[in-house]
Every structure is written in structure tokens, then in C-alpha cells.
Amino acid sequence: MNILGRLTSSRAGRGIAKKVNLDAILRPACRWWRTLPRVVNLRPLGLSYKMRLNLQELSDIEWEFEHGERDFLAALKNHLCCGETALDIGAHFGEFSLPLAKILGERGRVLSFEPEKRNYQRLVYHVKLNALTNVQLFRIALGDKDEAGKIFFGGEFCPSIVPLEDDKIRRSVCENIEIVRGDTFFARENLPIPHAVKIDVEGFEYAVLLGLRDTLANPICRLVCVEIHPEVLPPGVGGETITELLRSFGFGHFEAAQRDTEVHIVAAKPAHIP
């Protein structure tokens, strides 16, 4: 770590800077330094890979895999075997795609869907950084029909296909994307049925599940991890609606956990409970 890093990352360093009247200079320098990306090694649940992150992103990911997202990653690791296929819907810049690639090994396959341009570019970079050959990337969104769409930015939520009527800033900043019906796309592209699916799409999860009805009902698909965002689901749709939909696909074992305002659902088919 360089001198600036040592000064801005330790209590003693900040105290020295304050005594010699450097505090006013180092405060913005500290904020700037924390935004600088650097390649770091991550090892959630013993799965080793690299990502290029700034300090805030690194802190967020470490916290998520220690607390918020640990249940999903643990379930995926426990259910999947080398050589199988996993589907990462809402792949962001690779937080799940990279460890999934390690779980599945070279003979396995990760199908990653991320429609937002900047996140997709970072996802591509991270796959190349780790020299992964078992990850297939798609810059499209999955839904219940083929259509042109938009992904919205701003406000208090992460980028999402779901617009918020009372958030003018969020509605005014958007990016055009392609939305495809999952089952139709899988058939057209001759993609394999996944053994496990992870979904994190900021309120669009119900449409994703509807569009993958045939895929998820296939006996090969035995695990779904879906993050539910109740505050941005369509009218009349709630956590129980999604649970019942998964039940209609053959999933009979459910584990639910509250994560701040989100709900994590881990659904398995009874014959495949470890």
C-alpha cells in the first residue's frame, strides 16, 4: 500500500495528518483513493478468483458474502457438481458468475445475463481476468415476452427494468435494452437446461420466472435462488405469489430469509434436497 493509502486507511495516520494540518487535503484525497479500482483476490466459501474493484465495492462484496448473499452462494455450492450448468440472471459484474464458474469447473457452464452496458463490460473484463472458458455472456434481459425495454438508474434502488412512477430522476435516466422470453431464447439458442438458477433483477423477478416456465419445470432444474423486491413488484404480486409459481414448477422445499427490504427464497425440488 502506498503512503497515501497508509495515511488514509489507519486511525493513527489520520491523527498525524490532522496534527500537521493536512487533514483538509487528505479528506478529499482519501475519498478519491477509495474510488480507485484495483485487482483483488476474493475467496468466499473457499472459492478463489479475482475482481477489479474500488474499496467501497470490495467492502460491499465482502459484507454480502459474509452476511447478505451467503445463503445463495452456499446453496449453489451445496447443490451443484462439476460439469453441470448454472444460470445467473442479473449477473451485474460477476459477483455470482465467477464463483459459479469455480464451482462447476472447466467442464461446467455458466450462462450469465446482464443487460446494462457498463456492468456487462465489467463482467466481460472479470471473465477474461480469471481466464474463464466456461462462462457464456449475454447482454440481454430475460422476461416473459420479447420486447424492447429500458433499464432505469438513480433514486435509492439499483438499476432496474421497473420504473418508479414517483421518482422523476430515476425515470429520466435510462438505457435502452433488449428483453427476451427465457424459454423462447433457450430453445432458439439451443442452450442447455440449467441445474440451478440465481435471479436478482430488482423487481422484475416475476416476469423472469413466467418466461422460464418450461425451463424451470424441467426435472433437470432442481434449485432456484431468487431475491424478491416486494416494494417494486407488479400490483397484486407478492412473495407468496412467487412461491406458489415456483411450487407449480415442481419446487417443494423452500427456505426464506429477510435481507433488509428484500426477501431471499431458496427453492429446491424435493428429490434433490441435500
Foldseek 3Di string as FASTA:
>chain_A
DDPLCVLLVDPVSCVVCVVVVNNVVSVVVSVVQQQQWDKDWDQQVHQTAIATGGNVVVVVLVVCCVPVVVVVQVVLLVQDAALFEEEEAQCQQNSPVRSNLSSHDLNYAYEYEAQDVVSQVNNVVRCVRRVGPRYDYDNAHEFQAWDKFKWWDDDPDHTARFDDPVDPNRVVDIDIGTYHQDVVVCVVVVPDQGQEYEEDHQQRVVRRCNSCLVSLLPPSHFKYKYKHQQVRHPPPDDPVNVVVSSVVSQWDDWDWDDDPRIIIIITGHVVRDD
